[in-house]
N, C-alpha and C. Protein backbone atom coordinates (compact mmCIF):
# COMPACT_ATOMS: atom_id res chain seq x y z
N MET A 1 6.78 -7.34 -4.58
CA MET A 1 6.69 -5.86 -4.12
C MET A 1 7.64 -5.79 -2.78
N LYS A 2 8.38 -4.36 -2.83
CA LYS A 2 9.52 -4.09 -2.00
C LYS A 2 8.56 -3.66 -0.25
N PRO A 3 9.48 -3.55 0.51
CA PRO A 3 8.44 -2.92 1.58
C PRO A 3 8.28 -1.43 1.59
N LEU A 4 7.47 -1.31 1.99
CA LEU A 4 6.80 -0.06 2.03
C LEU A 4 7.69 0.97 3.05
N GLU A 5 8.87 1.66 2.72
CA GLU A 5 9.06 3.03 3.63
C GLU A 5 8.36 3.29 5.34
N SER A 6 9.02 3.95 5.80
CA SER A 6 8.26 4.72 7.08
C SER A 6 7.17 5.66 6.79
N ASP A 7 7.60 6.30 5.51
CA ASP A 7 6.92 7.69 5.05
C ASP A 7 5.71 7.29 4.18
N GLU A 8 6.09 6.09 3.46
CA GLU A 8 5.10 4.89 2.26
C GLU A 8 4.01 5.09 3.13
N ARG A 9 2.53 4.89 2.31
CA ARG A 9 1.16 4.21 2.35
C ARG A 9 0.99 3.14 1.14
N LEU A 10 -0.15 2.48 0.86
CA LEU A 10 -0.61 2.08 -0.21
C LEU A 10 -2.37 2.61 -0.12
N ALA A 11 -2.28 3.23 -1.80
CA ALA A 11 -3.49 4.31 -1.72
C ALA A 11 -4.43 3.69 -2.72
N PRO A 12 -5.62 2.69 -3.17
CA PRO A 12 -6.13 1.97 -3.66
C PRO A 12 -6.42 3.41 -4.33
N VAL A 13 -6.86 2.99 -6.00
CA VAL A 13 -6.83 4.00 -7.25
C VAL A 13 -7.66 3.09 -8.13
N MET A 14 -8.26 3.65 -8.95
CA MET A 14 -8.83 3.51 -9.99
C MET A 14 -8.29 4.53 -11.13
N VAL A 15 -8.06 3.94 -12.53
CA VAL A 15 -7.40 4.78 -13.50
C VAL A 15 -8.48 4.20 -14.84
N TYR A 16 -8.85 4.81 -15.32
CA TYR A 16 -9.53 5.11 -16.81
C TYR A 16 -8.63 5.22 -17.93
N THR A 17 -8.27 4.31 -19.12
CA THR A 17 -7.55 5.06 -19.94
C THR A 17 -8.96 4.73 -21.32
N HIS A 18 -9.20 4.97 -22.34
CA HIS A 18 -10.15 4.99 -23.77
C HIS A 18 -10.83 3.30 -23.55
N ASN A 19 -9.57 2.41 -23.12
CA ASN A 19 -10.65 1.33 -23.63
C ASN A 19 -9.92 0.00 -21.85
N MET A 20 -9.72 0.72 -20.68
CA MET A 20 -9.66 -0.30 -19.93
C MET A 20 -9.74 0.35 -19.12
N LEU A 21 -10.12 0.07 -17.81
CA LEU A 21 -10.77 -0.10 -16.22
C LEU A 21 -9.32 -0.31 -15.52
N VAL A 22 -8.79 0.33 -14.60
CA VAL A 22 -7.88 -0.52 -13.84
C VAL A 22 -7.81 -0.02 -12.48
N ARG A 23 -7.92 -1.18 -11.47
CA ARG A 23 -8.33 -0.63 -10.29
C ARG A 23 -6.37 -1.30 -9.48
N GLY A 24 -5.77 -0.62 -8.83
CA GLY A 24 -4.98 -1.22 -7.77
C GLY A 24 -4.44 -0.37 -6.74
N GLU A 25 -2.84 -0.63 -6.08
CA GLU A 25 -2.59 -0.04 -4.94
C GLU A 25 -1.50 0.88 -5.34
N LEU A 26 -1.63 1.98 -5.74
CA LEU A 26 -0.37 3.07 -5.94
C LEU A 26 0.39 3.00 -4.96
N ILE A 27 1.63 3.03 -4.40
CA ILE A 27 2.41 3.61 -3.51
C ILE A 27 2.82 5.21 -3.38
N ALA A 28 2.76 6.05 -1.96
CA ALA A 28 2.27 7.52 -2.16
C ALA A 28 3.20 7.54 -0.87
N LYS A 29 4.11 8.66 -0.75
CA LYS A 29 4.04 9.61 0.32
C LYS A 29 3.17 9.53 1.26
N GLU A 30 3.34 9.55 2.36
CA GLU A 30 2.24 9.97 3.91
C GLU A 30 1.74 11.88 3.26
N SER A 31 2.44 12.23 2.73
CA SER A 31 2.40 13.61 2.72
C SER A 31 1.64 13.97 1.29
N VAL A 32 1.54 13.12 0.32
CA VAL A 32 0.84 13.29 -0.79
C VAL A 32 -0.27 13.04 -0.90
N ARG A 33 -0.68 14.35 -1.55
CA ARG A 33 -2.60 13.75 -1.66
C ARG A 33 -2.73 13.06 -2.82
N VAL A 34 -3.30 12.01 -2.93
CA VAL A 34 -3.17 11.42 -4.05
C VAL A 34 -4.36 11.14 -4.98
N SER A 35 -5.26 12.08 -4.58
CA SER A 35 -6.24 12.36 -5.39
C SER A 35 -5.99 13.19 -6.84
N ILE A 36 -4.90 14.54 -6.13
CA ILE A 36 -4.51 15.30 -7.00
C ILE A 36 -2.89 15.29 -7.13
N LEU A 37 -2.38 14.15 -7.64
CA LEU A 37 -1.32 13.34 -7.65
C LEU A 37 -0.88 14.00 -9.33
N LEU A 38 -1.92 12.97 -10.32
CA LEU A 38 -1.67 13.76 -11.85
C LEU A 38 -1.52 15.30 -12.05
N ARG A 39 -1.91 16.37 -10.96
CA ARG A 39 -1.34 17.77 -11.01
C ARG A 39 -0.07 18.28 -10.18
N THR A 40 0.57 17.38 -9.92
CA THR A 40 1.60 17.69 -9.41
C THR A 40 2.95 17.69 -10.00
N GLN A 41 4.48 18.25 -9.55
CA GLN A 41 5.26 18.86 -10.30
C GLN A 41 5.86 17.31 -10.64
N GLY A 42 6.40 16.92 -11.45
CA GLY A 42 7.18 15.41 -11.55
C GLY A 42 6.18 13.76 -11.18
N ILE A 43 5.24 13.94 -12.26
CA ILE A 43 4.26 12.98 -12.24
C ILE A 43 5.07 12.04 -13.04
N PRO A 44 5.15 10.56 -12.75
CA PRO A 44 5.91 9.90 -13.54
C PRO A 44 5.84 9.47 -15.12
N ASN A 45 6.16 9.00 -15.91
CA ASN A 45 5.82 8.19 -16.97
C ASN A 45 4.92 7.27 -16.95
N TYR A 46 4.62 6.24 -15.46
CA TYR A 46 3.64 4.84 -15.75
C TYR A 46 2.99 5.05 -14.29
N LEU A 47 2.31 4.84 -14.04
CA LEU A 47 1.24 4.71 -12.97
C LEU A 47 1.45 3.73 -12.61
N HIS A 48 2.55 3.16 -11.33
CA HIS A 48 3.07 1.75 -11.31
C HIS A 48 1.98 1.51 -10.15
N LEU A 49 1.15 -0.04 -10.37
CA LEU A 49 0.10 -0.44 -9.74
C LEU A 49 0.25 -1.41 -9.28
N HIS A 50 0.28 -2.26 -8.00
CA HIS A 50 0.35 -3.18 -7.24
C HIS A 50 -1.50 -3.84 -7.12
N LYS A 51 -1.04 -5.20 -7.32
CA LYS A 51 -2.79 -5.84 -6.94
C LYS A 51 -3.43 -5.49 -8.08
N ALA A 52 -2.98 -4.94 -9.16
CA ALA A 52 -3.96 -4.52 -10.59
C ALA A 52 -4.97 -5.51 -10.69
N GLN A 53 -6.11 -5.30 -10.64
CA GLN A 53 -7.64 -5.56 -11.42
C GLN A 53 -8.11 -4.82 -12.84
N ALA A 54 -7.43 -5.52 -13.85
CA ALA A 54 -7.99 -4.71 -15.22
C ALA A 54 -9.29 -5.63 -15.58
N VAL A 55 -9.87 -4.01 -16.26
CA VAL A 55 -11.24 -4.87 -17.24
C VAL A 55 -10.88 -3.79 -18.77
N MET A 56 -10.83 -4.95 -19.22
CA MET A 56 -10.23 -4.00 -20.90
C MET A 56 -11.76 -4.19 -21.94
N PHE A 57 -11.81 -3.44 -22.53
CA PHE A 57 -12.95 -3.10 -23.70
C PHE A 57 -12.60 -2.81 -24.69
N GLY A 58 -13.44 -3.02 -25.78
CA GLY A 58 -12.89 -3.53 -26.90
C GLY A 58 -13.66 -4.60 -27.93
N GLY A 59 -14.39 -5.44 -27.37
CA GLY A 59 -14.60 -6.47 -27.53
C GLY A 59 -15.63 -7.27 -26.55
N ALA A 60 -16.61 -7.95 -27.11
CA ALA A 60 -17.82 -8.50 -26.09
C ALA A 60 -17.66 -9.82 -25.58
N PRO A 61 -17.46 -10.01 -24.89
CA PRO A 61 -17.88 -9.13 -23.17
C PRO A 61 -16.90 -8.71 -23.23
N PRO A 62 -16.86 -7.19 -22.19
CA PRO A 62 -15.38 -7.22 -21.49
C PRO A 62 -14.53 -8.47 -21.14
N LYS A 63 -13.34 -7.94 -20.97
CA LYS A 63 -12.34 -9.02 -20.23
C LYS A 63 -11.79 -8.92 -19.28
N SER A 64 -11.96 -9.36 -18.03
CA SER A 64 -11.18 -9.13 -16.99
C SER A 64 -9.54 -9.51 -16.73
N LEU A 65 -8.64 -8.91 -16.14
CA LEU A 65 -7.38 -9.48 -16.17
C LEU A 65 -6.86 -9.14 -15.25
N SER A 66 -5.96 -10.35 -13.67
CA SER A 66 -5.06 -9.64 -12.84
C SER A 66 -3.93 -9.78 -12.99
N PHE A 67 -3.23 -9.02 -12.24
CA PHE A 67 -1.24 -8.45 -12.56
C PHE A 67 -0.87 -8.21 -11.09
N THR A 68 -0.29 -9.09 -10.59
CA THR A 68 0.88 -8.28 -9.45
C THR A 68 0.76 -7.08 -9.78
N GLU A 69 2.26 -6.49 -10.37
CA GLU A 69 1.68 -5.04 -11.04
C GLU A 69 1.63 -4.36 -12.40
N MET A 70 1.41 -3.75 -12.58
CA MET A 70 0.78 -3.20 -13.92
C MET A 70 1.40 -1.58 -13.63
N PHE A 71 2.16 -1.44 -14.75
CA PHE A 71 2.43 -0.29 -15.39
C PHE A 71 1.52 0.90 -16.45
N VAL A 72 0.50 1.64 -16.07
CA VAL A 72 -0.19 2.16 -16.68
C VAL A 72 0.43 3.74 -17.14
N PRO A 73 0.53 3.79 -18.81
CA PRO A 73 1.02 5.07 -19.27
C PRO A 73 0.45 6.27 -18.84
N THR A 74 0.91 6.94 -18.18
CA THR A 74 -0.12 8.56 -17.72
C THR A 74 -0.07 9.27 -18.83
N ALA A 75 0.57 9.02 -19.98
CA ALA A 75 -0.16 9.62 -21.40
C ALA A 75 -1.43 9.16 -21.84
N SER A 76 -1.64 7.92 -21.44
CA SER A 76 -3.33 7.33 -21.60
C SER A 76 -3.92 7.30 -20.48
N VAL A 77 -3.59 7.88 -19.59
CA VAL A 77 -5.12 8.10 -18.49
C VAL A 77 -5.74 9.61 -18.57
N ILE A 78 -7.07 8.86 -19.02
CA ILE A 78 -8.66 9.70 -19.37
C ILE A 78 -8.89 10.53 -17.73
N ALA A 79 -8.87 9.59 -16.77
CA ALA A 79 -9.62 10.13 -15.27
C ALA A 79 -8.56 9.14 -14.61
N PHE A 80 -9.15 9.80 -13.16
CA PHE A 80 -8.38 9.06 -12.15
C PHE A 80 -9.12 9.73 -10.95
N HIS A 81 -9.25 8.55 -9.84
CA HIS A 81 -9.95 8.52 -8.51
C HIS A 81 -8.94 8.02 -7.33
N LEU A 82 -9.78 8.01 -6.11
CA LEU A 82 -9.34 7.18 -5.01
C LEU A 82 -10.37 6.19 -5.18
N VAL A 83 -10.15 4.99 -4.67
CA VAL A 83 -11.47 4.19 -4.93
C VAL A 83 -12.18 4.22 -3.56
N PRO A 84 -13.42 4.52 -2.79
CA PRO A 84 -14.18 4.88 -1.86
C PRO A 84 -13.88 3.58 -1.44
N PRO A 85 -13.85 3.68 -0.10
CA PRO A 85 -14.68 4.94 0.57
C PRO A 85 -12.92 5.69 0.86
N ALA A 86 -11.78 5.68 0.76
CA ALA A 86 -10.69 6.66 0.67
C ALA A 86 -11.27 7.62 0.69
N GLN A 87 -10.85 8.98 0.79
CA GLN A 87 -10.80 10.07 0.60
C GLN A 87 -9.89 11.46 0.48
N ASP A 88 -9.18 12.09 -0.46
CA ASP A 88 -8.85 13.17 0.31
C ASP A 88 -9.47 14.46 0.53
N ALA A 89 -8.73 15.18 1.23
CA ALA A 89 -9.82 16.57 1.16
C ALA A 89 -9.83 17.38 -0.20
N LEU A 90 -11.22 18.04 -0.67
CA LEU A 90 -11.44 18.45 -1.80
C LEU A 90 -10.53 19.51 -1.82
N ASP A 91 -10.35 19.57 -3.48
CA ASP A 91 -9.31 20.68 -3.40
C ASP A 91 -9.56 22.47 -3.91
N TYR A 92 -11.07 22.85 -3.39
CA TYR A 92 -11.37 24.20 -3.79
C TYR A 92 -11.69 24.71 -2.07
N ASP A 93 -11.83 26.21 -2.57
CA ASP A 93 -12.32 26.78 -0.86
C ASP A 93 -13.94 26.70 -1.36
N ALA A 94 -14.51 26.56 -0.57
CA ALA A 94 -16.11 26.31 -0.62
C ALA A 94 -16.96 28.18 -0.51
N SER A 95 -16.29 28.55 0.61
CA SER A 95 -15.93 29.79 0.31
C SER A 95 -15.56 31.21 -0.53
N GLU A 96 -14.65 30.34 -1.67
CA GLU A 96 -14.52 31.63 -2.21
C GLU A 96 -15.23 32.16 -3.79
N ALA A 97 -15.56 33.58 -3.49
CA ALA A 97 -16.48 34.01 -4.32
C ALA A 97 -16.72 34.12 -5.51
N ASN A 98 -17.57 34.84 -6.45
CA ASN A 98 -17.54 34.29 -7.67
C ASN A 98 -17.35 32.91 -8.20
N ARG A 99 -17.65 31.94 -7.85
CA ARG A 99 -17.62 30.48 -8.29
C ARG A 99 -18.70 30.07 -8.17
N MET A 100 -18.89 28.44 -9.50
CA MET A 100 -20.55 27.75 -8.80
C MET A 100 -19.98 26.50 -9.14
N MET A 101 -20.36 25.48 -9.08
CA MET A 101 -21.11 24.10 -9.48
C MET A 101 -21.62 24.34 -10.41
N GLN A 102 -21.31 23.79 -11.94
CA GLN A 102 -22.02 23.32 -13.09
C GLN A 102 -22.22 21.82 -13.25
N PRO A 103 -23.20 21.24 -13.18
CA PRO A 103 -23.77 20.01 -13.07
C PRO A 103 -23.24 19.48 -15.06
N MET A 104 -22.62 18.57 -15.17
CA MET A 104 -21.95 18.10 -16.59
C MET A 104 -22.09 16.44 -16.66
N ASP A 105 -22.28 15.90 -17.88
CA ASP A 105 -22.18 14.75 -17.96
C ASP A 105 -21.07 14.84 -18.47
N LEU A 106 -20.41 13.55 -18.47
CA LEU A 106 -18.82 13.16 -19.18
C LEU A 106 -18.93 12.09 -19.71
N VAL A 107 -18.17 11.59 -20.77
CA VAL A 107 -18.08 10.38 -21.66
C VAL A 107 -16.76 10.08 -21.43
N VAL A 108 -16.40 9.35 -20.41
CA VAL A 108 -14.72 9.19 -20.19
C VAL A 108 -15.18 7.17 -20.75
N GLY A 109 -14.03 7.87 -21.71
CA GLY A 109 -13.83 6.03 -22.50
C GLY A 109 -14.98 5.26 -22.68
N THR A 110 -15.61 4.35 -22.30
CA THR A 110 -16.73 3.56 -22.09
C THR A 110 -17.93 4.09 -20.95
N PHE A 111 -17.24 4.72 -19.93
CA PHE A 111 -17.88 5.10 -18.75
C PHE A 111 -18.47 6.38 -19.24
N LEU A 112 -19.61 6.95 -18.42
CA LEU A 112 -20.84 7.65 -18.06
C LEU A 112 -20.57 8.04 -16.63
N MET A 113 -19.99 9.33 -16.51
CA MET A 113 -19.96 9.94 -15.32
C MET A 113 -20.81 11.10 -15.18
N LYS A 114 -21.67 11.57 -14.08
CA LYS A 114 -22.49 12.33 -14.01
C LYS A 114 -21.76 13.36 -12.82
N GLY A 115 -21.54 14.56 -12.68
CA GLY A 115 -20.53 15.15 -11.83
C GLY A 115 -20.84 16.78 -11.94
N SER A 116 -19.90 17.62 -11.39
CA SER A 116 -20.10 19.23 -11.62
C SER A 116 -18.64 19.18 -11.31
N ILE A 117 -18.43 20.62 -12.20
CA ILE A 117 -16.93 21.24 -12.47
C ILE A 117 -17.24 22.93 -11.67
N ARG A 118 -16.44 23.09 -11.57
CA ARG A 118 -16.39 24.32 -10.83
C ARG A 118 -15.58 25.50 -11.80
N ILE A 119 -16.24 26.29 -12.12
CA ILE A 119 -16.55 27.61 -12.94
C ILE A 119 -16.81 29.34 -12.43
N SER A 120 -16.58 29.73 -12.99
CA SER A 120 -16.58 30.89 -13.09
C SER A 120 -18.01 31.54 -13.36
N THR A 121 -18.81 32.58 -11.82
CA THR A 121 -19.78 32.77 -12.56
C THR A 121 -19.96 33.74 -13.51
N GLN A 122 -18.99 34.48 -13.90
CA GLN A 122 -18.75 35.65 -14.63
C GLN A 122 -18.87 35.26 -15.85
N ALA A 123 -18.55 33.85 -16.19
CA ALA A 123 -18.10 33.80 -17.92
C ALA A 123 -19.38 32.60 -18.15
N GLU A 124 -19.52 32.50 -19.76
CA GLU A 124 -20.81 31.10 -20.03
C GLU A 124 -19.47 29.72 -19.85
N LEU A 125 -19.84 28.72 -19.77
CA LEU A 125 -19.65 27.27 -19.85
C LEU A 125 -18.60 27.31 -20.75
N GLY A 126 -18.83 27.27 -21.90
CA GLY A 126 -18.24 26.75 -23.19
C GLY A 126 -16.95 27.74 -23.12
N THR A 127 -16.74 29.03 -22.30
CA THR A 127 -15.99 30.25 -22.42
C THR A 127 -14.36 29.42 -21.85
N SER A 128 -15.52 29.44 -20.29
CA SER A 128 -15.14 28.80 -19.20
C SER A 128 -13.90 27.78 -19.77
N LEU A 129 -14.66 26.50 -20.15
CA LEU A 129 -13.63 25.20 -21.30
C LEU A 129 -12.32 25.77 -21.97
N GLU A 130 -13.25 26.61 -23.10
CA GLU A 130 -12.13 27.21 -23.91
C GLU A 130 -10.79 28.03 -23.23
N VAL A 131 -11.02 28.84 -21.95
CA VAL A 131 -10.17 29.22 -21.44
C VAL A 131 -9.03 28.20 -20.84
N MET A 132 -9.38 27.45 -20.07
CA MET A 132 -8.75 27.02 -18.71
C MET A 132 -8.12 26.17 -19.75
N ARG A 133 -6.53 26.09 -19.36
CA ARG A 133 -5.06 25.81 -20.19
C ARG A 133 -4.93 24.90 -18.95
N ILE A 134 -5.59 23.63 -18.54
CA ILE A 134 -5.16 22.43 -17.35
C ILE A 134 -5.37 21.41 -18.21
N SER A 135 -4.35 20.69 -17.57
CA SER A 135 -3.93 19.03 -18.10
C SER A 135 -5.27 18.32 -17.22
N TRP A 136 -4.92 18.85 -16.50
CA TRP A 136 -6.25 17.49 -15.62
C TRP A 136 -7.71 18.56 -14.67
N LEU A 137 -8.82 18.34 -14.35
CA LEU A 137 -9.53 18.83 -14.19
C LEU A 137 -10.20 18.31 -13.30
N SER A 138 -10.80 18.86 -12.26
CA SER A 138 -11.42 18.36 -10.87
C SER A 138 -13.10 17.87 -11.11
N ILE A 139 -13.09 17.08 -11.30
CA ILE A 139 -14.67 16.55 -11.03
C ILE A 139 -15.37 16.11 -9.83
N TYR A 140 -16.97 16.69 -9.06
CA TYR A 140 -17.07 16.83 -7.96
C TYR A 140 -18.39 16.08 -8.10
N ASP A 141 -18.76 15.00 -6.98
CA ASP A 141 -19.85 14.35 -6.58
C ASP A 141 -20.30 13.60 -7.70
N ALA A 142 -19.37 12.76 -8.30
CA ALA A 142 -19.75 11.99 -9.49
C ALA A 142 -20.04 10.98 -9.58
N HIS A 143 -21.23 10.41 -10.31
CA HIS A 143 -21.13 9.11 -10.30
C HIS A 143 -21.21 8.53 -11.45
N ILE A 144 -20.70 7.15 -11.49
CA ILE A 144 -20.09 6.67 -12.69
C ILE A 144 -20.84 5.37 -13.08
N THR A 145 -21.27 5.46 -14.16
CA THR A 145 -21.30 4.09 -14.55
C THR A 145 -21.46 3.39 -16.05
N ASN A 146 -21.80 2.49 -16.06
CA ASN A 146 -20.97 2.27 -17.46
C ASN A 146 -21.71 0.83 -18.37
N PRO A 147 -22.38 1.10 -19.52
CA PRO A 147 -23.43 0.62 -20.27
C PRO A 147 -23.16 -1.24 -20.45
N TYR A 148 -21.83 -1.26 -20.43
CA TYR A 148 -21.38 -2.71 -21.04
C TYR A 148 -21.31 -3.50 -19.20
N LEU A 149 -21.09 -2.81 -18.43
CA LEU A 149 -20.83 -3.19 -17.13
C LEU A 149 -22.38 -2.58 -16.20
N PRO A 150 -23.11 -3.51 -16.66
CA PRO A 150 -24.36 -2.81 -15.86
C PRO A 150 -24.77 -3.15 -14.37
N GLN A 151 -23.72 -3.94 -13.55
CA GLN A 151 -23.48 -4.19 -12.01
C GLN A 151 -22.42 -2.95 -11.42
N PHE A 152 -21.53 -2.23 -12.47
CA PHE A 152 -20.53 -0.65 -11.90
C PHE A 152 -21.57 0.35 -12.09
N ASN A 153 -21.63 0.41 -10.66
CA ASN A 153 -22.07 1.70 -10.12
C ASN A 153 -21.48 2.29 -8.98
N LEU A 154 -20.99 3.81 -9.05
CA LEU A 154 -19.81 3.99 -8.53
C LEU A 154 -19.77 5.29 -7.79
N THR A 155 -19.77 5.85 -6.67
CA THR A 155 -19.85 7.37 -6.40
C THR A 155 -18.74 7.47 -6.11
N VAL A 156 -17.94 8.71 -6.65
CA VAL A 156 -16.93 9.43 -5.79
C VAL A 156 -16.83 11.03 -5.45
N PRO A 157 -16.22 11.64 -4.01
CA PRO A 157 -16.33 13.03 -4.22
C PRO A 157 -15.56 13.46 -4.81
N MET A 158 -14.50 13.00 -5.88
CA MET A 158 -13.89 13.95 -6.34
C MET A 158 -12.79 13.22 -7.40
N LEU A 159 -12.97 13.54 -8.68
CA LEU A 159 -11.78 12.59 -9.44
C LEU A 159 -11.71 13.80 -10.57
N LEU A 160 -10.21 12.99 -11.15
CA LEU A 160 -9.45 13.79 -12.22
C LEU A 160 -10.10 13.69 -13.72
N ILE A 161 -10.05 14.55 -14.74
CA ILE A 161 -9.71 14.16 -15.51
C ILE A 161 -9.22 14.39 -16.55
N SER A 162 -8.73 13.78 -17.91
CA SER A 162 -7.95 14.83 -18.66
C SER A 162 -8.91 15.85 -19.78
N PRO A 163 -9.21 16.86 -19.61
CA PRO A 163 -10.56 17.56 -20.68
C PRO A 163 -10.36 17.85 -21.97
N THR A 164 -9.35 17.78 -22.15
CA THR A 164 -9.30 17.62 -23.82
C THR A 164 -9.08 15.54 -24.22
N GLN A 165 -9.31 15.01 -23.46
CA GLN A 165 -9.94 13.64 -24.17
C GLN A 165 -11.07 13.07 -23.52
N VAL A 166 -11.82 13.97 -23.13
CA VAL A 166 -13.26 13.70 -22.51
C VAL A 166 -14.13 14.59 -23.28
N SER A 167 -15.33 14.20 -23.33
CA SER A 167 -16.20 14.72 -24.01
C SER A 167 -16.99 15.02 -22.99
N MET A 168 -17.52 16.41 -22.64
CA MET A 168 -18.37 17.12 -21.77
C MET A 168 -19.86 17.11 -22.46
N ALA A 169 -20.92 17.18 -21.31
CA ALA A 169 -22.70 17.75 -21.89
C ALA A 169 -23.50 18.01 -21.10
N LEU A 170 -24.44 18.92 -21.12
CA LEU A 170 -25.28 19.34 -20.57
C LEU A 170 -26.31 18.60 -20.71
N ALA A 171 -27.09 18.11 -19.54
CA ALA A 171 -28.02 17.13 -19.76
C ALA A 171 -29.41 18.18 -20.16
C-alpha cells in the first residue's frame, strides 16, 4: 500500500454481497463521509479494501480468507457500513416534519438485519418503497446477525443497502 496523503485516512468498513462479507480498510479523503460514500458522485467501479478479511458463503461451513488488498465490484455490493466504533453523523435532520422511522426486517444475502427506514408519515410503507427511486437506502439502528455464523452479532447506527437487491419485511 502506498503511503497515505496528508488529506487521506483509512476507514474500516464492512461490505456485504449475496455470497460474501468483507471487512477491510478503505482509503478515503478526510472530508468524505464514508458512511454515505456509495451515494456520492463518481463512485468507483471497485471498492479497494486493504487488509481484507472475507467470509464466503455457499458451502458448508462458511470459508474465511485474508488478503492484503481486495477489489470488490461496487455493482455486487448489497450493503455497506463503517465498522463500529467508527461512525459518521447520521444523514437526516431529526426535526424534519412529516417523517417517521419504520421498523423493518431485512434479508441481506445470508444476513438478517433489524433496523428502521425513514419514510413519510403521509404514505403507506408499500407506496413509499415503490416511489423511492434511489440506488442506496439508509437503515438506522441496525442489528445484524447471520444464522450460519452464530457468533456474529453486530449493531451499527447506520448502513446503506441496495433496495432492489434486499428483501424487506414487517415483523
